[in-house]
Amino acid sequence: GVFLFGGESVDDGNFLNDLWLLEGAITDSEAIPCSYQWFSLLHLHGVIMYLAWGLLLPFGVMIGRYYRWSWPVWFFVHIFCQVFGTLLTVCGFIIVFLVSSEPSFPHGIIGIILMFTISQQFLSGIIRPWLKREDGRYVEDCKEKDTFKYKWRRCWEVYHRVSGVIAIALGFTQVTLGVFLINAPLAVWCVWIVLFSIWLFVFLFHEIVHCCCVRLHKE
């Protein structure tokens, strides 16, 4: 037999999340004309989310985490990547609901959770508390010698980082599930596996270097 995932409902036209086991001989089946579209809204959704969660958002997280020494360049690059990545996510979220309104498969459920996560992450970045100087002024330049981080800023930083890590982990999971759902050809799988492996290596390498630098600085 052959496993078949998905399909389109003949009743309402919605895409299905069913897994079928096809058995029998090909000669026993009746030939039915196929009106397959080589590019659909689902493909557009995949391309948009691929750009957002495969490129922009991870790059913005990496810059914000490991390149803070390059102020203010890292800040503007981080803002650019996160803003446009969030906008692409919103566009992709809207597009997929134009195709199907039943998020029953884990990809759809995680997508709703991810949409909430990236939204609150974006809003928390806008309302972030600034650094407070000893004279009472609020500044953003982390290199000023007379600045200190008051308790709310510290709490916000922990929350923003943890939430960002969760969002990126969910985003990578979503892209992987999405590639599976569209029955992507081998070339698409290869591109995503290579890109995911690169990001995994880059984050692991930067985290090791970051931890070593922090340890040397404390000593």
Protein backbone atom coordinates (compact mmCIF):
# COMPACT_ATOMS: atom_id res chain seq x y z
CA GLY A 1 0.00 0.00 0.00
CA VAL A 2 0.85 3.68 -0.28
CA PHE A 3 0.34 6.32 2.41
CA LEU A 4 -1.30 9.56 1.30
CA PHE A 5 -1.55 12.63 3.50
CA GLY A 6 -3.98 15.49 3.01
CA GLY A 7 -6.37 15.99 0.15
CA GLU A 8 -9.27 18.34 -0.57
CA SER A 9 -12.82 17.87 0.67
CA VAL A 10 -15.43 17.47 -2.09
CA ASP A 11 -18.05 18.99 0.22
CA ASP A 12 -16.59 22.39 1.16
CA GLY A 13 -13.24 22.52 -0.66
CA ASN A 14 -11.19 22.73 2.55
CA PHE A 15 -7.86 20.95 2.72
CA LEU A 16 -7.89 17.81 4.84
CA ASN A 17 -5.49 16.67 7.55
CA ASP A 18 -6.18 12.97 7.03
CA LEU A 19 -3.72 10.14 6.48
CA TRP A 20 -4.91 7.53 3.98
CA LEU A 21 -3.60 4.05 3.22
CA LEU A 22 -4.13 3.27 -0.47
CA GLU A 23 -4.22 -0.40 -1.38
CA GLY A 24 -4.94 -2.35 -4.51
CA ALA A 25 -3.74 -2.31 -8.12
CA ILE A 26 -3.54 0.78 -10.29
CA THR A 27 -5.60 -0.96 -12.98
CA ASP A 28 -8.51 -1.26 -10.53
CA SER A 29 -8.84 2.53 -10.21
CA GLU A 30 -10.80 4.84 -12.46
CA ALA A 31 -8.84 7.62 -14.12
CA ILE A 32 -9.88 11.08 -12.86
CA PRO A 33 -8.57 14.30 -14.42
CA CYS A 34 -6.42 16.39 -12.07
CA SER A 35 -6.53 20.18 -11.92
CA TYR A 36 -3.38 20.59 -9.79
CA GLN A 37 -1.99 24.10 -9.53
CA TRP A 38 1.79 24.32 -9.52
CA PHE A 39 1.65 27.35 -7.19
CA SER A 40 -1.17 28.10 -4.76
CA LEU A 41 -1.85 30.20 -1.68
CA LEU A 42 -0.44 27.40 0.45
CA HIS A 43 2.84 27.62 -1.44
CA LEU A 44 2.84 31.40 -0.99
CA HIS A 45 2.22 30.87 2.74
CA GLY A 46 5.19 28.51 2.85
CA VAL A 47 7.52 30.90 1.04
CA ILE A 48 6.57 33.81 3.33
CA MET A 49 7.01 31.78 6.51
CA TYR A 50 10.27 30.36 5.18
CA LEU A 51 11.64 33.88 4.74
CA ALA A 52 10.38 34.97 8.15
CA TRP A 53 11.35 31.97 10.31
CA GLY A 54 14.15 30.56 8.20
CA LEU A 55 16.06 33.81 7.65
CA LEU A 56 14.92 37.13 9.14
CA LEU A 57 13.82 36.25 12.68
CA PRO A 58 16.69 33.85 13.53
CA PHE A 59 19.21 36.38 12.19
CA GLY A 60 17.64 39.13 14.28
CA VAL A 61 17.80 36.95 17.40
CA MET A 62 21.44 36.12 16.74
CA ILE A 63 22.39 39.78 16.33
CA GLY A 64 20.48 40.79 19.46
CA ARG A 65 22.03 38.02 21.54
CA TYR A 66 25.67 37.90 20.48
CA TYR A 67 26.55 41.26 18.89
CA ARG A 68 25.48 43.75 21.53
CA TRP A 69 29.05 45.07 21.60
CA SER A 70 28.38 46.74 18.24
CA TRP A 71 25.89 49.28 19.60
CA PRO A 72 23.95 50.93 17.97
CA VAL A 73 24.33 48.82 14.79
CA TRP A 74 23.08 45.62 16.39
CA PHE A 75 20.00 47.38 17.75
CA PHE A 76 18.81 48.71 14.37
CA VAL A 77 19.57 45.42 12.58
CA HIS A 78 17.68 43.53 15.29
CA ILE A 79 14.68 45.86 15.02
CA PHE A 80 14.67 45.65 11.20
CA CYS A 81 14.73 41.83 11.15
CA GLN A 82 12.12 41.41 13.89
CA VAL A 83 9.69 44.00 12.50
CA PHE A 84 9.74 42.67 8.94
CA GLY A 85 9.78 39.07 10.18
CA THR A 86 6.68 39.77 12.27
CA LEU A 87 4.93 41.47 9.34
CA LEU A 88 5.67 38.49 7.11
CA THR A 89 4.33 36.16 9.80
CA VAL A 90 1.08 38.11 9.99
CA CYS A 91 0.73 38.01 6.18
CA GLY A 92 1.37 34.26 6.11
CA PHE A 93 -1.09 33.73 8.95
CA ILE A 94 -3.82 35.60 7.06
CA ILE A 95 -3.11 33.80 3.79
CA VAL A 96 -3.44 30.31 5.27
CA PHE A 97 -6.87 31.18 6.71
CA LEU A 98 -8.00 32.13 3.22
CA VAL A 99 -7.38 28.51 2.24
CA SER A 100 -8.61 26.60 5.30
CA SER A 101 -10.23 27.67 8.57
CA GLU A 102 -9.77 24.39 10.45
CA PRO A 103 -6.40 24.26 12.26
CA SER A 104 -6.82 20.67 13.42
CA PHE A 105 -3.37 19.37 12.54
CA PRO A 106 -0.54 20.23 15.00
CA HIS A 107 0.89 22.60 12.40
CA GLY A 108 -2.21 24.78 12.63
CA ILE A 109 -2.46 24.61 16.42
CA ILE A 110 1.22 25.44 16.91
CA GLY A 111 0.79 28.20 14.35
CA ILE A 112 -1.83 29.92 16.51
CA ILE A 113 0.42 29.60 19.57
CA LEU A 114 3.35 30.94 17.57
CA MET A 115 1.28 33.88 16.34
CA PHE A 116 0.46 34.81 19.93
CA THR A 117 4.10 34.38 20.96
CA ILE A 118 5.52 36.57 18.20
CA SER A 119 2.83 39.22 18.79
CA GLN A 120 3.58 39.60 22.49
CA GLN A 121 7.30 39.50 21.71
CA PHE A 122 6.86 42.35 19.25
CA LEU A 123 4.75 44.39 21.68
CA SER A 124 7.12 43.79 24.57
CA GLY A 125 9.93 45.12 22.41
CA ILE A 126 8.01 48.32 21.80
CA ILE A 127 7.21 48.98 25.48
CA ARG A 128 10.62 47.89 26.77
CA PRO A 129 11.85 49.88 29.81
CA TRP A 130 14.93 51.95 29.03
CA LEU A 131 18.11 52.03 31.02
CA LYS A 132 18.00 54.41 33.94
CA ARG A 133 20.93 56.59 34.89
CA GLU A 134 21.80 57.65 38.40
CA ASP A 135 20.61 61.18 37.66
CA GLY A 136 17.14 59.83 36.78
CA ARG A 137 17.40 60.10 32.98
CA TYR A 138 16.44 57.17 30.77
CA VAL A 139 18.87 56.26 27.99
CA GLU A 140 19.41 53.39 25.58
CA ASP A 141 23.18 53.52 25.24
CA CYS A 142 24.49 50.54 27.18
CA LYS A 143 28.05 51.86 27.07
CA GLU A 144 27.46 54.89 29.28
CA LYS A 145 29.46 54.41 32.47
CA ASP A 146 26.91 56.00 34.80
CA THR A 147 23.96 53.78 33.83
CA PHE A 148 22.47 50.91 35.78
CA LYS A 149 19.65 48.52 35.00
CA TYR A 150 16.74 48.94 37.34
CA LYS A 151 14.79 45.84 38.36
CA TRP A 152 12.03 46.11 35.79
CA ARG A 153 14.53 46.31 32.94
CA ARG A 154 16.27 43.22 34.23
CA CYS A 155 13.00 41.28 34.47
CA TRP A 156 12.05 42.42 30.99
CA GLU A 157 15.35 41.24 29.53
CA VAL A 158 14.91 37.74 30.99
CA TYR A 159 11.32 37.56 29.75
CA HIS A 160 12.20 38.88 26.29
CA ARG A 161 15.05 36.41 25.83
CA VAL A 162 13.14 33.35 27.06
CA SER A 163 10.14 34.25 24.94
CA GLY A 164 12.41 34.76 21.92
CA VAL A 165 14.01 31.33 22.33
CA ILE A 166 10.57 29.69 22.56
CA ALA A 167 9.41 31.54 19.45
CA ILE A 168 12.44 30.48 17.39
CA ALA A 169 12.11 26.85 18.52
CA LEU A 170 8.42 26.84 17.55
CA GLY A 171 9.26 28.57 14.27
CA PHE A 172 11.78 25.90 13.27
CA THR A 173 9.24 23.23 14.21
CA GLN A 174 6.58 24.92 12.11
CA VAL A 175 8.74 25.16 9.01
CA THR A 176 9.62 21.46 9.31
CA LEU A 177 5.96 20.47 9.67
CA GLY A 178 5.02 22.76 6.80
CA VAL A 179 7.54 21.15 4.45
CA PHE A 180 6.05 17.79 5.40
CA LEU A 181 2.45 18.93 4.90
CA ILE A 182 2.90 20.20 1.34
CA ASN A 183 4.60 16.93 0.33
CA ALA A 184 7.63 18.97 -0.69
CA PRO A 185 10.07 17.54 -3.23
CA LEU A 186 13.48 16.31 -2.16
CA ALA A 187 15.17 19.57 -3.16
CA VAL A 188 13.04 21.59 -0.72
CA TRP A 189 13.78 19.14 2.07
CA CYS A 190 17.52 19.35 1.34
CA VAL A 191 17.50 23.16 1.39
CA TRP A 192 15.64 23.28 4.70
CA ILE A 193 17.77 20.59 6.37
CA VAL A 194 20.95 22.40 5.30
CA LEU A 195 19.63 25.77 6.48
CA PHE A 196 18.43 24.33 9.79
CA SER A 197 21.79 22.65 10.33
CA ILE A 198 23.59 25.92 9.62
CA TRP A 199 21.46 27.80 12.14
CA LEU A 200 21.98 25.07 14.73
CA PHE A 201 25.75 25.25 14.27
CA VAL A 202 25.79 29.07 14.26
CA PHE A 203 23.78 29.39 17.48
CA LEU A 204 25.77 26.66 19.22
CA PHE A 205 29.09 28.20 18.19
CA HIS A 206 28.08 31.71 19.23
CA GLU A 207 26.70 30.49 22.57
CA ILE A 208 29.95 28.67 23.40
CA VAL A 209 32.02 31.75 22.51
CA HIS A 210 29.64 33.99 24.47
CA CYS A 211 29.84 31.83 27.60
CA CYS A 212 33.64 31.70 27.39
CA CYS A 213 33.88 35.49 27.03
CA VAL A 214 31.57 36.05 30.00
CA ARG A 215 33.60 33.65 32.12
CA LEU A 216 36.90 35.32 31.18
CA HIS A 217 35.43 38.74 31.90
CA LYS A 218 34.38 37.64 35.40
CA GLU A 219 37.83 36.25 36.12
